[in-house]
Amino acid sequence: LEADADPSESVRSGLTTLLETVMKDQTGDGSWVAWPQTRAPMFGGSDASMTALAAWTLAPAASLGSERARSSLVQAVRWLRQNPPDGELQSLAVRLIVWQKTGQPQ
């Protein structure tokens, strides 16, 4: 999501669709649920991994001023802080990336 500093209109449209889909799937407690309750483009083995992946997805839009993405990201980070990692290495690595992007203590 951050790879292209000047995305074309079609790429921006695709990113907007992706972000809308991700934000729409956030639950009331700030998390995202794991497969099989989830749907493309997000798949993960646990609610913790899904929430970390979704938070990572939202971080660029939040940093660019999207208030809706920022609000969703704040809820996700709150949920991640209140729930322990799931023991999956990828989930923990993504959580650390989210911490770095959102200024959380590692």
PDB file of N, CA and C in Angstrom:
ATOM      1  N   LEU A   1       0.803  -1.208   0.000  1.00  0.00           N
ATOM      2  CA  LEU A   1       0.000   0.000   0.000  1.00  0.00           C
ATOM      3  C   LEU A   1       0.845   1.270   0.000  1.00  0.00           C
ATOM      4  N   GLU A   2       2.068   1.159   0.454  1.00  0.00           N
ATOM      5  CA  GLU A   2       2.945   2.331   0.492  1.00  0.00           C
ATOM      6  C   GLU A   2       4.003   2.293  -0.596  1.00  0.00           C
ATOM      7  N   ALA A   3       3.992   1.294  -1.450  1.00  0.00           N
ATOM      8  CA  ALA A   3       5.071   1.088  -2.406  1.00  0.00           C
ATOM      9  C   ALA A   3       5.142   2.155  -3.485  1.00  0.00           C
ATOM     10  N   ASP A   4       4.029   2.726  -3.874  1.00  0.00           N
ATOM     11  CA  ASP A   4       3.997   3.690  -4.967  1.00  0.00           C
ATOM     12  C   ASP A   4       3.693   5.075  -4.414  1.00  0.00           C
ATOM     13  N   ALA A   5       4.680   5.947  -4.468  1.00  0.00           N
ATOM     14  CA  ALA A   5       4.511   7.299  -3.930  1.00  0.00           C
ATOM     15  C   ALA A   5       3.524   8.130  -4.733  1.00  0.00           C
ATOM     16  N   ASP A   6       3.303   7.774  -5.991  1.00  0.00           N
ATOM     17  CA  ASP A   6       2.394   8.525  -6.852  1.00  0.00           C
ATOM     18  C   ASP A   6       1.531   7.539  -7.653  1.00  0.00           C
ATOM     19  N   PRO A   7       0.567   6.888  -6.979  1.00  0.00           N
ATOM     20  CA  PRO A   7      -0.231   5.875  -7.671  1.00  0.00           C
ATOM     21  C   PRO A   7      -1.151   6.481  -8.728  1.00  0.00           C
ATOM     22  N   SER A   8      -1.417   5.695  -9.758  1.00  0.00           N
ATOM     23  CA  SER A   8      -2.340   6.126 -10.807  1.00  0.00           C
ATOM     24  C   SER A   8      -3.764   6.165 -10.245  1.00  0.00           C
ATOM     25  N   GLU A   9      -4.671   6.732 -11.010  1.00  0.00           N
ATOM     26  CA  GLU A   9      -6.070   6.822 -10.591  1.00  0.00           C
ATOM     27  C   GLU A   9      -6.658   5.432 -10.369  1.00  0.00           C
ATOM     28  N   SER A  10      -6.344   4.469 -11.234  1.00  0.00           N
ATOM     29  CA  SER A  10      -6.903   3.125 -11.066  1.00  0.00           C
ATOM     30  C   SER A  10      -6.349   2.457  -9.806  1.00  0.00           C
ATOM     31  N   VAL A  11      -5.078   2.690  -9.491  1.00  0.00           N
ATOM     32  CA  VAL A  11      -4.498   2.137  -8.268  1.00  0.00           C
ATOM     33  C   VAL A  11      -5.140   2.792  -7.052  1.00  0.00           C
ATOM     34  N   ARG A  12      -5.315   4.117  -7.082  1.00  0.00           N
ATOM     35  CA  ARG A  12      -5.981   4.804  -5.968  1.00  0.00           C
ATOM     36  C   ARG A  12      -7.394   4.279  -5.768  1.00  0.00           C
ATOM     37  N   SER A  13      -8.098   4.031  -6.857  1.00  0.00           N
ATOM     38  CA  SER A  13      -9.456   3.481  -6.768  1.00  0.00           C
ATOM     39  C   SER A  13      -9.442   2.090  -6.136  1.00  0.00           C
ATOM     40  N   GLY A  14      -8.488   1.256  -6.539  1.00  0.00           N
ATOM     41  CA  GLY A  14      -8.370  -0.075  -5.962  1.00  0.00           C
ATOM     42  C   GLY A  14      -8.031  -0.033  -4.482  1.00  0.00           C
ATOM     43  N   LEU A  15      -7.139   0.874  -4.099  1.00  0.00           N
ATOM     44  CA  LEU A  15      -6.780   1.014  -2.693  1.00  0.00           C
ATOM     45  C   LEU A  15      -7.965   1.496  -1.866  1.00  0.00           C
ATOM     46  N   THR A  16      -8.746   2.405  -2.424  1.00  0.00           N
ATOM     47  CA  THR A  16      -9.937   2.879  -1.733  1.00  0.00           C
ATOM     48  C   THR A  16     -10.909   1.734  -1.497  1.00  0.00           C
ATOM     49  N   THR A  17     -11.110   0.907  -2.509  1.00  0.00           N
ATOM     50  CA  THR A  17     -11.993  -0.254  -2.375  1.00  0.00           C
ATOM     51  C   THR A  17     -11.464  -1.210  -1.308  1.00  0.00           C
ATOM     52  N   LEU A  18     -10.155  -1.469  -1.321  1.00  0.00           N
ATOM     53  CA  LEU A  18      -9.551  -2.337  -0.319  1.00  0.00           C
ATOM     54  C   LEU A  18      -9.771  -1.783   1.082  1.00  0.00           C
ATOM     55  N   LEU A  19      -9.481  -0.503   1.291  1.00  0.00           N
ATOM     56  CA  LEU A  19      -9.637   0.092   2.614  1.00  0.00           C
ATOM     57  C   LEU A  19     -11.084   0.057   3.079  1.00  0.00           C
ATOM     58  N   GLU A  20     -12.016   0.339   2.194  1.00  0.00           N
ATOM     59  CA  GLU A  20     -13.440   0.278   2.555  1.00  0.00           C
ATOM     60  C   GLU A  20     -13.833  -1.127   2.979  1.00  0.00           C
ATOM     61  N   THR A  21     -13.351  -2.124   2.251  1.00  0.00           N
ATOM     62  CA  THR A  21     -13.650  -3.515   2.587  1.00  0.00           C
ATOM     63  C   THR A  21     -13.078  -3.875   3.950  1.00  0.00           C
ATOM     64  N   VAL A  22     -11.832  -3.508   4.196  1.00  0.00           N
ATOM     65  CA  VAL A  22     -11.189  -3.824   5.468  1.00  0.00           C
ATOM     66  C   VAL A  22     -11.924  -3.128   6.611  1.00  0.00           C
ATOM     67  N   MET A  23     -12.219  -1.843   6.480  1.00  0.00           N
ATOM     68  CA  MET A  23     -12.894  -1.114   7.551  1.00  0.00           C
ATOM     69  C   MET A  23     -14.298  -1.650   7.802  1.00  0.00           C
ATOM     70  N   LYS A  24     -14.989  -2.059   6.753  1.00  0.00           N
ATOM     71  CA  LYS A  24     -16.345  -2.584   6.898  1.00  0.00           C
ATOM     72  C   LYS A  24     -16.369  -3.876   7.705  1.00  0.00           C
ATOM     73  N   ASP A  25     -15.292  -4.648   7.656  1.00  0.00           N
ATOM     74  CA  ASP A  25     -15.246  -5.937   8.342  1.00  0.00           C
ATOM     75  C   ASP A  25     -14.779  -5.850   9.793  1.00  0.00           C
ATOM     76  N   GLN A  26     -14.447  -4.660  10.274  1.00  0.00           N
ATOM     77  CA  GLN A  26     -14.013  -4.526  11.669  1.00  0.00           C
ATOM     78  C   GLN A  26     -15.206  -4.759  12.591  1.00  0.00           C
ATOM     79  N   THR A  27     -14.976  -5.528  13.669  1.00  0.00           N
ATOM     80  CA  THR A  27     -16.043  -5.808  14.627  1.00  0.00           C
ATOM     81  C   THR A  27     -16.159  -4.662  15.625  1.00  0.00           C
ATOM     82  N   GLY A  28     -17.190  -4.698  16.425  1.00  0.00           N
ATOM     83  CA  GLY A  28     -17.446  -3.646  17.397  1.00  0.00           C
ATOM     84  C   GLY A  28     -16.368  -3.478  18.447  1.00  0.00           C
ATOM     85  N   ASP A  29     -15.610  -4.552  18.746  1.00  0.00           N
ATOM     86  CA  ASP A  29     -14.561  -4.439  19.769  1.00  0.00           C
ATOM     87  C   ASP A  29     -13.224  -3.975  19.194  1.00  0.00           C
ATOM     88  N   GLY A  30     -13.184  -3.690  17.880  1.00  0.00           N
ATOM     89  CA  GLY A  30     -11.967  -3.181  17.250  1.00  0.00           C
ATOM     90  C   GLY A  30     -11.147  -4.239  16.542  1.00  0.00           C
ATOM     91  N   SER A  31     -11.561  -5.504  16.606  1.00  0.00           N
ATOM     92  CA  SER A  31     -10.800  -6.591  15.988  1.00  0.00           C
ATOM     93  C   SER A  31     -11.410  -7.003  14.653  1.00  0.00           C
ATOM     94  N   TRP A  32     -10.713  -7.901  13.981  1.00  0.00           N
ATOM     95  CA  TRP A  32     -11.229  -8.580  12.794  1.00  0.00           C
ATOM     96  C   TRP A  32     -11.222 -10.060  13.118  1.00  0.00           C
ATOM     97  N   VAL A  33     -12.147 -10.822  12.574  1.00  0.00           N
ATOM     98  CA  VAL A  33     -12.219 -12.249  12.879  1.00  0.00           C
ATOM     99  C   VAL A  33     -11.468 -13.057  11.839  1.00  0.00           C
ATOM    100  N   ALA A  34     -11.044 -14.250  12.254  1.00  0.00           N
ATOM    101  CA  ALA A  34     -10.260 -15.137  11.403  1.00  0.00           C
ATOM    102  C   ALA A  34     -11.164 -15.989  10.522  1.00  0.00           C
ATOM    103  N   TRP A  35     -10.519 -16.640   9.575  1.00  0.00           N
ATOM    104  CA  TRP A  35     -11.187 -17.577   8.679  1.00  0.00           C
ATOM    105  C   TRP A  35     -11.919 -18.625   9.506  1.00  0.00           C
ATOM    106  N   PRO A  36     -13.114 -19.091   9.172  1.00  0.00           N
ATOM    107  CA  PRO A  36     -13.828 -18.897   7.919  1.00  0.00           C
ATOM    108  C   PRO A  36     -14.810 -17.732   7.927  1.00  0.00           C
ATOM    109  N   GLN A  37     -14.868 -16.971   9.032  1.00  0.00           N
ATOM    110  CA  GLN A  37     -15.817 -15.859   9.086  1.00  0.00           C
ATOM    111  C   GLN A  37     -15.394 -14.669   8.229  1.00  0.00           C
ATOM    112  N   THR A  38     -14.136 -14.583   7.874  1.00  0.00           N
ATOM    113  CA  THR A  38     -13.647 -13.443   7.113  1.00  0.00           C
ATOM    114  C   THR A  38     -13.783 -13.697   5.613  1.00  0.00           C
ATOM    115  N   ARG A  39     -13.401 -12.728   4.814  1.00  0.00           N
ATOM    116  CA  ARG A  39     -13.493 -12.848   3.358  1.00  0.00           C
ATOM    117  C   ARG A  39     -12.310 -12.146   2.707  1.00  0.00           C
ATOM    118  N   ALA A  40     -12.151 -12.379   1.464  1.00  0.00           N
ATOM    119  CA  ALA A  40     -11.066 -11.709   0.731  1.00  0.00           C
ATOM    120  C   ALA A  40     -11.231 -10.201   0.861  1.00  0.00           C
ATOM    121  N   PRO A  41     -10.156  -9.444   0.955  1.00  0.00           N
ATOM    122  CA  PRO A  41      -8.767  -9.787   0.709  1.00  0.00           C
ATOM    123  C   PRO A  41      -8.000 -10.185   1.961  1.00  0.00           C
ATOM    124  N   MET A  42      -8.656 -10.350   3.098  1.00  0.00           N
ATOM    125  CA  MET A  42      -7.961 -10.595   4.354  1.00  0.00           C
ATOM    126  C   MET A  42      -8.181 -12.028   4.828  1.00  0.00           C
ATOM    127  N   PHE A  43      -7.101 -12.756   5.041  1.00  0.00           N
ATOM    128  CA  PHE A  43      -7.163 -14.110   5.583  1.00  0.00           C
ATOM    129  C   PHE A  43      -6.109 -14.257   6.661  1.00  0.00           C
ATOM    130  N   GLY A  44      -6.453 -14.913   7.756  1.00  0.00           N
ATOM    131  CA  GLY A  44      -5.494 -15.154   8.810  1.00  0.00           C
ATOM    132  C   GLY A  44      -5.948 -16.305   9.680  1.00  0.00           C
ATOM    133  N   GLY A  45      -5.027 -16.826  10.484  1.00  0.00           N
ATOM    134  CA  GLY A  45      -5.321 -17.992  11.293  1.00  0.00           C
ATOM    135  C   GLY A  45      -5.960 -17.695  12.627  1.00  0.00           C
ATOM    136  N   SER A  46      -5.987 -16.453  13.046  1.00  0.00           N
ATOM    137  CA  SER A  46      -6.574 -16.104  14.344  1.00  0.00           C
ATOM    138  C   SER A  46      -7.071 -14.660  14.288  1.00  0.00           C
ATOM    139  N   ASP A  47      -7.901 -14.306  15.263  1.00  0.00           N
ATOM    140  CA  ASP A  47      -8.360 -12.920  15.342  1.00  0.00           C
ATOM    141  C   ASP A  47      -7.179 -11.972  15.560  1.00  0.00           C
ATOM    142  N   ALA A  48      -6.174 -12.411  16.327  1.00  0.00           N
ATOM    143  CA  ALA A  48      -4.993 -11.573  16.572  1.00  0.00           C
ATOM    144  C   ALA A  48      -4.226 -11.312  15.279  1.00  0.00           C
ATOM    145  N   SER A  49      -4.038 -12.350  14.463  1.00  0.00           N
ATOM    146  CA  SER A  49      -3.307 -12.141  13.204  1.00  0.00           C
ATOM    147  C   SER A  49      -4.129 -11.313  12.227  1.00  0.00           C
ATOM    148  N   MET A  50      -5.437 -11.542  12.184  1.00  0.00           N
ATOM    149  CA  MET A  50      -6.296 -10.754  11.293  1.00  0.00           C
ATOM    150  C   MET A  50      -6.279  -9.279  11.677  1.00  0.00           C
ATOM    151  N   THR A  51      -6.348  -9.013  12.971  1.00  0.00           N
ATOM    152  CA  THR A  51      -6.382  -7.630  13.435  1.00  0.00           C
ATOM    153  C   THR A  51      -5.054  -6.930  13.168  1.00  0.00           C
ATOM    154  N   ALA A  52      -3.947  -7.632  13.378  1.00  0.00           N
ATOM    155  CA  ALA A  52      -2.636  -7.046  13.078  1.00  0.00           C
ATOM    156  C   ALA A  52      -2.506  -6.749  11.586  1.00  0.00           C
ATOM    157  N   LEU A  53      -2.924  -7.684  10.732  1.00  0.00           N
ATOM    158  CA  LEU A  53      -2.856  -7.463   9.282  1.00  0.00           C
ATOM    159  C   LEU A  53      -3.739  -6.292   8.861  1.00  0.00           C
ATOM    160  N   ALA A  54      -4.942  -6.224   9.400  1.00  0.00           N
ATOM    161  CA  ALA A  54      -5.848  -5.126   9.047  1.00  0.00           C
ATOM    162  C   ALA A  54      -5.290  -3.789   9.519  1.00  0.00           C
ATOM    163  N   ALA A  55      -4.724  -3.763  10.726  1.00  0.00           N
ATOM    164  CA  ALA A  55      -4.136  -2.520  11.236  1.00  0.00           C
ATOM    165  C   ALA A  55      -2.996  -2.057  10.343  1.00  0.00           C
ATOM    166  N   TRP A  56      -2.157  -2.991   9.909  1.00  0.00           N
ATOM    167  CA  TRP A  56      -1.053  -2.662   9.002  1.00  0.00           C
ATOM    168  C   TRP A  56      -1.600  -2.093   7.701  1.00  0.00           C
ATOM    169  N   THR A  57      -2.701  -2.639   7.226  1.00  0.00           N
ATOM    170  CA  THR A  57      -3.330  -2.167   5.993  1.00  0.00           C
ATOM    171  C   THR A  57      -3.846  -0.735   6.149  1.00  0.00           C
ATOM    172  N   LEU A  58      -4.367  -0.417   7.321  1.00  0.00           N
ATOM    173  CA  LEU A  58      -4.955   0.907   7.552  1.00  0.00           C
ATOM    174  C   LEU A  58      -3.928   2.000   7.840  1.00  0.00           C
ATOM    175  N   ALA A  59      -2.748   1.617   8.294  1.00  0.00           N
ATOM    176  CA  ALA A  59      -1.758   2.607   8.730  1.00  0.00           C
ATOM    177  C   ALA A  59      -1.411   3.662   7.680  1.00  0.00           C
ATOM    178  N   PRO A  60      -1.178   3.286   6.408  1.00  0.00           N
ATOM    179  CA  PRO A  60      -0.846   4.327   5.427  1.00  0.00           C
ATOM    180  C   PRO A  60      -1.964   5.357   5.234  1.00  0.00           C
ATOM    181  N   ALA A  61      -3.203   4.892   5.146  1.00  0.00           N
ATOM    182  CA  ALA A  61      -4.317   5.830   4.958  1.00  0.00           C
ATOM    183  C   ALA A  61      -4.483   6.720   6.182  1.00  0.00           C
ATOM    184  N   ALA A  62      -4.289   6.148   7.364  1.00  0.00           N
ATOM    185  CA  ALA A  62      -4.394   6.942   8.586  1.00  0.00           C
ATOM    186  C   ALA A  62      -3.315   8.017   8.624  1.00  0.00           C
ATOM    187  N   SER A  63      -2.102   7.656   8.200  1.00  0.00           N
ATOM    188  CA  SER A  63      -1.005   8.640   8.228  1.00  0.00           C
ATOM    189  C   SER A  63      -1.184   9.722   7.167  1.00  0.00           C
ATOM    190  N   LEU A  64      -1.986   9.436   6.132  1.00  0.00           N
ATOM    191  CA  LEU A  64      -2.242  10.429   5.088  1.00  0.00           C
ATOM    192  C   LEU A  64      -3.461  11.299   5.393  1.00  0.00           C
ATOM    193  N   GLY A  65      -4.057  11.121   6.564  1.00  0.00           N
ATOM    194  CA  GLY A  65      -5.126  12.021   6.982  1.00  0.00           C
ATOM    195  C   GLY A  65      -6.530  11.478   6.916  1.00  0.00           C
ATOM    196  N   SER A  66      -6.716  10.209   6.578  1.00  0.00           N
ATOM    197  CA  SER A  66      -8.068   9.644   6.578  1.00  0.00           C
ATOM    198  C   SER A  66      -8.538   9.466   8.019  1.00  0.00           C
ATOM    199  N   GLU A  67      -9.484  10.276   8.441  1.00  0.00           N
ATOM    200  CA  GLU A  67      -9.993  10.210   9.807  1.00  0.00           C
ATOM    201  C   GLU A  67     -10.663   8.867  10.072  1.00  0.00           C
ATOM    202  N   ARG A  68     -11.365   8.351   9.097  1.00  0.00           N
ATOM    203  CA  ARG A  68     -12.031   7.048   9.275  1.00  0.00           C
ATOM    204  C   ARG A  68     -11.003   5.930   9.455  1.00  0.00           C
ATOM    205  N   ALA A  69      -9.944   5.939   8.655  1.00  0.00           N
ATOM    206  CA  ALA A  69      -8.888   4.938   8.798  1.00  0.00           C
ATOM    207  C   ALA A  69      -8.169   5.111  10.135  1.00  0.00           C
ATOM    208  N   ARG A  70      -7.931   6.351  10.549  1.00  0.00           N
ATOM    209  CA  ARG A  70      -7.262   6.601  11.821  1.00  0.00           C
ATOM    210  C   ARG A  70      -8.094   6.074  12.988  1.00  0.00           C
ATOM    211  N   SER A  71      -9.384   6.332  12.966  1.00  0.00           N
ATOM    212  CA  SER A  71     -10.274   5.858  14.022  1.00  0.00           C
ATOM    213  C   SER A  71     -10.298   4.332  14.084  1.00  0.00           C
ATOM    214  N   SER A  72     -10.383   3.715  12.928  1.00  0.00           N
ATOM    215  CA  SER A  72     -10.374   2.259  12.848  1.00  0.00           C
ATOM    216  C   SER A  72      -9.049   1.697  13.351  1.00  0.00           C
ATOM    217  N   LEU A  73      -7.951   2.343  12.995  1.00  0.00           N
ATOM    218  CA  LEU A  73      -6.620   1.916  13.431  1.00  0.00           C
ATOM    219  C   LEU A  73      -6.476   2.055  14.941  1.00  0.00           C
ATOM    220  N   VAL A  74      -6.959   3.150  15.513  1.00  0.00           N
ATOM    221  CA  VAL A  74      -6.893   3.349  16.965  1.00  0.00           C
ATOM    222  C   VAL A  74      -7.635   2.222  17.683  1.00  0.00           C
ATOM    223  N   GLN A  75      -8.803   1.857  17.185  1.00  0.00           N
ATOM    224  CA  GLN A  75      -9.558   0.751  17.794  1.00  0.00           C
ATOM    225  C   GLN A  75      -8.797  -0.558  17.676  1.00  0.00           C
ATOM    226  N   ALA A  76      -8.175  -0.792  16.523  1.00  0.00           N
ATOM    227  CA  ALA A  76      -7.413  -2.025  16.309  1.00  0.00           C
ATOM    228  C   ALA A  76      -6.218  -2.098  17.253  1.00  0.00           C
ATOM    229  N   VAL A  77      -5.480  -0.998  17.382  1.00  0.00           N
ATOM    230  CA  VAL A  77      -4.319  -0.982  18.272  1.00  0.00           C
ATOM    231  C   VAL A  77      -4.764  -1.204  19.710  1.00  0.00           C
ATOM    232  N   ARG A  78      -5.870  -0.602  20.105  1.00  0.00           N
ATOM    233  CA  ARG A  78      -6.390  -0.804  21.459  1.00  0.00           C
ATOM    234  C   ARG A  78      -6.682  -2.293  21.683  1.00  0.00           C
ATOM    235  N   TRP A  79      -7.341  -2.919  20.699  1.00  0.00           N
ATOM    236  CA  TRP A  79      -7.657  -4.341  20.818  1.00  0.00           C
ATOM    237  C   TRP A  79      -6.380  -5.177  20.901  1.00  0.00           C
ATOM    238  N   LEU A  80      -5.402  -4.868  20.056  1.00  0.00           N
ATOM    239  CA  LEU A  80      -4.144  -5.616  20.073  1.00  0.00           C
ATOM    240  C   LEU A  80      -3.427  -5.469  21.407  1.00  0.00           C
ATOM    241  N   ARG A  81      -3.463  -4.277  21.997  1.00  0.00           N
ATOM    242  CA  ARG A  81      -2.804  -4.060  23.289  1.00  0.00           C
ATOM    243  C   ARG A  81      -3.491  -4.848  24.399  1.00  0.00           C
ATOM    244  N   GLN A  82      -4.793  -5.056  24.259  1.00  0.00           N
ATOM    245  CA  GLN A  82      -5.560  -5.755  25.298  1.00  0.00           C
ATOM    246  C   GLN A  82      -5.576  -7.271  25.116  1.00  0.00           C
ATOM    247  N   ASN A  83      -5.129  -7.773  23.980  1.00  0.00           N
ATOM    248  CA  ASN A  83      -5.167  -9.197  23.685  1.00  0.00           C
ATOM    249  C   ASN A  83      -3.767  -9.685  23.352  1.00  0.00           C
ATOM    250  N   PRO A  84      -3.363 -10.791  23.964  1.00  0.00           N
ATOM    251  CA  PRO A  84      -1.997 -11.275  23.753  1.00  0.00           C
ATOM    252  C   PRO A  84      -1.791 -11.786  22.336  1.00  0.00           C
ATOM    253  N   PRO A  85      -0.529 -11.794  21.875  1.00  0.00           N
ATOM    254  CA  PRO A  85      -0.230 -12.396  20.573  1.00  0.00           C
ATOM    255  C   PRO A  85      -0.659 -13.862  20.565  1.00  0.00           C
ATOM    256  N   ASP A  86      -0.920 -14.384  19.380  1.00  0.00           N
ATOM    257  CA  ASP A  86      -1.454 -15.740  19.254  1.00  0.00           C
ATOM    258  C   ASP A  86      -0.382 -16.823  19.151  1.00  0.00           C
ATOM    259  N   GLY A  87       0.890 -16.452  19.202  1.00  0.00           N
ATOM    260  CA  GLY A  87       1.951 -17.438  19.120  1.00  0.00           C
ATOM    261  C   GLY A  87       2.454 -17.703  17.710  1.00  0.00           C
ATOM    262  N   GLU A  88       1.775 -17.164  16.689  1.00  0.00           N
ATOM    263  CA  GLU A  88       2.240 -17.313  15.311  1.00  0.00           C
ATOM    264  C   GLU A  88       3.328 -16.272  15.055  1.00  0.00           C
ATOM    265  N   LEU A  89       4.446 -16.699  14.497  1.00  0.00           N
ATOM    266  CA  LEU A  89       5.563 -15.795  14.246  1.00  0.00           C
ATOM    267  C   LEU A  89       5.153 -14.642  13.326  1.00  0.00           C
ATOM    268  N   GLN A  90       4.412 -14.932  12.251  1.00  0.00           N
ATOM    269  CA  GLN A  90       3.992 -13.874  11.337  1.00  0.00           C
ATOM    270  C   GLN A  90       3.104 -12.861  12.050  1.00  0.00           C
ATOM    271  N   SER A  91       2.210 -13.334  12.874  1.00  0.00           N
ATOM    272  CA  SER A  91       1.316 -12.443  13.601  1.00  0.00           C
ATOM    273  C   SER A  91       2.108 -11.518  14.519  1.00  0.00           C
ATOM    274  N   LEU A  92       3.098 -12.061  15.217  1.00  0.00           N
ATOM    275  CA  LEU A  92       3.930 -11.254  16.097  1.00  0.00           C
ATOM    276  C   LEU A  92       4.752 -10.241  15.300  1.00  0.00           C
ATOM    277  N   ALA A  93       5.301 -10.663  14.173  1.00  0.00           N
ATOM    278  CA  ALA A  93       6.091  -9.760  13.330  1.00  0.00           C
ATOM    279  C   ALA A  93       5.232  -8.608  12.810  1.00  0.00           C
ATOM    280  N   VAL A  94       4.032  -8.918  12.355  1.00  0.00           N
ATOM    281  CA  VAL A  94       3.137  -7.871  11.849  1.00  0.00           C
ATOM    282  C   VAL A  94       2.737  -6.931  12.983  1.00  0.00           C
ATOM    283  N   ARG A  95       2.505  -7.489  14.165  1.00  0.00           N
ATOM    284  CA  ARG A  95       2.169  -6.656  15.324  1.00  0.00           C
ATOM    285  C   ARG A  95       3.308  -5.670  15.611  1.00  0.00           C
ATOM    286  N   LEU A  96       4.549  -6.121  15.518  1.00  0.00           N
ATOM    287  CA  LEU A  96       5.680  -5.222  15.743  1.00  0.00           C
ATOM    288  C   LEU A  96       5.750  -4.127  14.677  1.00  0.00           C
ATOM    289  N   ILE A  97       5.416  -4.467  13.444  1.00  0.00           N
ATOM    290  CA  ILE A  97       5.372  -3.454  12.378  1.00  0.00           C
ATOM    291  C   ILE A  97       4.302  -2.416  12.696  1.00  0.00           C
ATOM    292  N   VAL A  98       3.143  -2.888  13.137  1.00  0.00           N
ATOM    293  CA  VAL A  98       2.053  -1.968  13.510  1.00  0.00           C
ATOM    294  C   VAL A  98       2.509  -1.082  14.665  1.00  0.00           C
ATOM    295  N   TRP A  99       3.190  -1.665  15.652  1.00  0.00           N
ATOM    296  CA  TRP A  99       3.678  -0.855  16.775  1.00  0.00           C
ATOM    297  C   TRP A  99       4.605   0.246  16.276  1.00  0.00           C
ATOM    298  N   GLN A 100       5.521  -0.115  15.363  1.00  0.00           N
ATOM    299  CA  GLN A 100       6.460   0.879  14.835  1.00  0.00           C
ATOM    300  C   GLN A 100       5.722   1.961  14.073  1.00  0.00           C
ATOM    301  N   LYS A 101       4.745   1.597  13.252  1.00  0.00           N
ATOM    302  CA  LYS A 101       4.032   2.568  12.422  1.00  0.00           C
ATOM    303  C   LYS A 101       3.122   3.488  13.249  1.00  0.00           C
ATOM    304  N   THR A 102       2.712   3.021  14.417  1.00  0.00           N
ATOM    305  CA  THR A 102       1.787   3.807  15.225  1.00  0.00           C
ATOM    306  C   THR A 102       2.434   4.385  16.487  1.00  0.00           C
ATOM    307  N   GLY A 103       3.766   4.232  16.609  1.00  0.00           N
ATOM    308  CA  GLY A 103       4.479   4.816  17.728  1.00  0.00           C
ATOM    309  C   GLY A 103       4.244   4.124  19.065  1.00  0.00           C
ATOM    310  N   GLN A 104       3.868   2.856  19.033  1.00  0.00           N
ATOM    311  CA  GLN A 104       3.643   2.100  20.265  1.00  0.00           C
ATOM    312  C   GLN A 104       4.976   1.562  20.790  1.00  0.00           C
ATOM    313  N   PRO A 105       5.074   1.370  22.109  1.00  0.00           N
ATOM    314  CA  PRO A 105       6.304   0.734  22.630  1.00  0.00           C
ATOM    315  C   PRO A 105       6.372  -0.718  22.173  1.00  0.00           C
ATOM    316  N   GLN A 106       7.545  -1.150  21.744  1.00  0.00           N
ATOM    317  CA  GLN A 106       7.698  -2.507  21.258  1.00  0.00           C
ATOM    318  C   GLN A 106       7.935  -3.474  22.376  1.00  0.00           C
TER     319      GLN A 106
END
